[in-house]
Amino acid sequence: MAEHSRSCWGAVIYSFFSGALLGAGLALLLAPVSGKEVRNAIGNEFDEFKDKLKKMEEKLHKSGAAFNAETGYEEEF
């Protein structure tokens, strides 16, 4: 039962990202702005995305460290 649930979520996540990429591609093709503006916008969005990922990584690391301290688990990743 757990195996079926896991594969179902994998399909949902795959479908979501496929749709997002397709939508982003169509938006770029149909956008009424110049290529330079599109590249700048993509670069800015990518930089914001990297910053969000970095913050998320830091939060997860802190959470993991707190969990390790609470449970006495010593292994570092």
C-alpha atoms as a PDB file:
ATOM      1  CA  MET A   1       0.000   0.000   0.000  1.00  0.00           C
ATOM      2  CA  ALA A   2       2.808   2.433   0.861  1.00  0.00           C
ATOM      3  CA  GLU A   3       4.548   1.627  -2.437  1.00  0.00           C
ATOM      4  CA  HIS A   4       1.422   2.595  -4.395  1.00  0.00           C
ATOM      5  CA  SER A   5       1.081   5.853  -2.467  1.00  0.00           C
ATOM      6  CA  ARG A   6       4.727   6.749  -3.080  1.00  0.00           C
ATOM      7  CA  SER A   7       4.475   6.141  -6.835  1.00  0.00           C
ATOM      8  CA  CYS A   8       1.261   8.167  -6.969  1.00  0.00           C
ATOM      9  CA  TRP A   9       2.968  11.165  -5.370  1.00  0.00           C
ATOM     10  CA  GLY A  10       5.889  10.779  -7.753  1.00  0.00           C
ATOM     11  CA  ALA A  11       3.504  11.007 -10.697  1.00  0.00           C
ATOM     12  CA  VAL A  12       1.823  14.080  -9.226  1.00  0.00           C
ATOM     13  CA  ILE A  13       5.141  15.852  -8.677  1.00  0.00           C
ATOM     14  CA  TYR A  14       6.391  14.883 -12.141  1.00  0.00           C
ATOM     15  CA  SER A  15       3.166  16.159 -13.721  1.00  0.00           C
ATOM     16  CA  PHE A  16       3.352  19.431 -11.800  1.00  0.00           C
ATOM     17  CA  PHE A  17       6.915  20.189 -12.873  1.00  0.00           C
ATOM     18  CA  SER A  18       6.263  19.105 -16.458  1.00  0.00           C
ATOM     19  CA  GLY A  19       3.305  21.464 -16.633  1.00  0.00           C
ATOM     20  CA  ALA A  20       5.308  24.267 -15.064  1.00  0.00           C
ATOM     21  CA  LEU A  21       8.114  23.856 -17.594  1.00  0.00           C
ATOM     22  CA  LEU A  22       5.670  23.704 -20.492  1.00  0.00           C
ATOM     23  CA  GLY A  23       3.884  26.815 -19.243  1.00  0.00           C
ATOM     24  CA  ALA A  24       7.148  28.669 -18.777  1.00  0.00           C
ATOM     25  CA  GLY A  25       8.259  27.760 -22.282  1.00  0.00           C
ATOM     26  CA  LEU A  26       4.997  28.936 -23.818  1.00  0.00           C
ATOM     27  CA  ALA A  27       5.127  32.145 -21.825  1.00  0.00           C
ATOM     28  CA  LEU A  28       8.610  32.863 -23.151  1.00  0.00           C
ATOM     29  CA  LEU A  29       7.522  32.222 -26.721  1.00  0.00           C
ATOM     30  CA  LEU A  30       4.423  34.370 -26.470  1.00  0.00           C
ATOM     31  CA  ALA A  31       5.836  37.179 -24.326  1.00  0.00           C
ATOM     32  CA  PRO A  32       5.627  40.653 -25.893  1.00  0.00           C
ATOM     33  CA  VAL A  33       9.091  41.720 -24.675  1.00  0.00           C
ATOM     34  CA  SER A  34      12.579  41.599 -26.149  1.00  0.00           C
ATOM     35  CA  GLY A  35      14.939  38.673 -25.672  1.00  0.00           C
ATOM     36  CA  LYS A  36      17.261  40.750 -23.504  1.00  0.00           C
ATOM     37  CA  GLU A  37      14.425  41.634 -21.145  1.00  0.00           C
ATOM     38  CA  VAL A  38      13.382  37.983 -20.960  1.00  0.00           C
ATOM     39  CA  ARG A  39      16.942  36.883 -20.178  1.00  0.00           C
ATOM     40  CA  ASN A  40      17.229  39.536 -17.464  1.00  0.00           C
ATOM     41  CA  ALA A  41      13.911  38.480 -15.963  1.00  0.00           C
ATOM     42  CA  ILE A  42      14.924  34.813 -16.011  1.00  0.00           C
ATOM     43  CA  GLY A  43      18.259  35.679 -14.399  1.00  0.00           C
ATOM     44  CA  ASN A  44      16.545  37.682 -11.659  1.00  0.00           C
ATOM     45  CA  GLU A  45      14.033  34.908 -10.971  1.00  0.00           C
ATOM     46  CA  PHE A  46      16.818  32.333 -10.898  1.00  0.00           C
ATOM     47  CA  ASP A  47      18.794  34.424  -8.400  1.00  0.00           C
ATOM     48  CA  GLU A  48      15.719  34.737  -6.166  1.00  0.00           C
ATOM     49  CA  PHE A  49      15.133  30.984  -6.448  1.00  0.00           C
ATOM     50  CA  LYS A  50      18.760  30.275  -5.433  1.00  0.00           C
ATOM     51  CA  ASP A  51      18.381  32.578  -2.431  1.00  0.00           C
ATOM     52  CA  LYS A  52      15.193  30.792  -1.354  1.00  0.00           C
ATOM     53  CA  LEU A  53      16.879  27.395  -1.725  1.00  0.00           C
ATOM     54  CA  LYS A  54      19.853  28.580   0.331  1.00  0.00           C
ATOM     55  CA  LYS A  55      17.546  29.798   3.118  1.00  0.00           C
ATOM     56  CA  MET A  56      15.631  26.514   3.007  1.00  0.00           C
ATOM     57  CA  GLU A  57      18.896  24.568   3.203  1.00  0.00           C
ATOM     58  CA  GLU A  58      19.973  26.578   6.249  1.00  0.00           C
ATOM     59  CA  LYS A  59      16.623  25.988   7.979  1.00  0.00           C
ATOM     60  CA  LEU A  60      16.811  22.262   7.277  1.00  0.00           C
ATOM     61  CA  HIS A  61      20.369  22.088   8.535  1.00  0.00           C
ATOM     62  CA  LYS A  62      19.386  23.879  11.756  1.00  0.00           C
ATOM     63  CA  SER A  63      16.374  21.600  12.182  1.00  0.00           C
ATOM     64  CA  GLY A  64      18.555  18.554  11.629  1.00  0.00           C
ATOM     65  CA  ALA A  65      21.131  19.802  14.116  1.00  0.00           C
ATOM     66  CA  ALA A  66      18.404  20.444  16.687  1.00  0.00           C
ATOM     67  CA  PHE A  67      16.963  16.980  16.090  1.00  0.00           C
ATOM     68  CA  ASN A  68      20.409  15.403  16.437  1.00  0.00           C
ATOM     69  CA  ALA A  69      21.029  17.287  19.679  1.00  0.00           C
ATOM     70  CA  GLU A  70      17.640  16.275  21.046  1.00  0.00           C
ATOM     71  CA  THR A  71      17.976  12.608  20.141  1.00  0.00           C
ATOM     72  CA  GLY A  72      21.701  12.262  20.720  1.00  0.00           C
ATOM     73  CA  TYR A  73      22.358  11.300  17.107  1.00  0.00           C
ATOM     74  CA  GLU A  74      25.951  12.211  16.199  1.00  0.00           C
ATOM     75  CA  GLU A  75      26.339  11.567  12.451  1.00  0.00           C
ATOM     76  CA  GLU A  76      27.027  14.588  10.225  1.00  0.00           C
ATOM     77  CA  PHE A  77      26.063  14.681   6.577  1.00  0.00           C
END
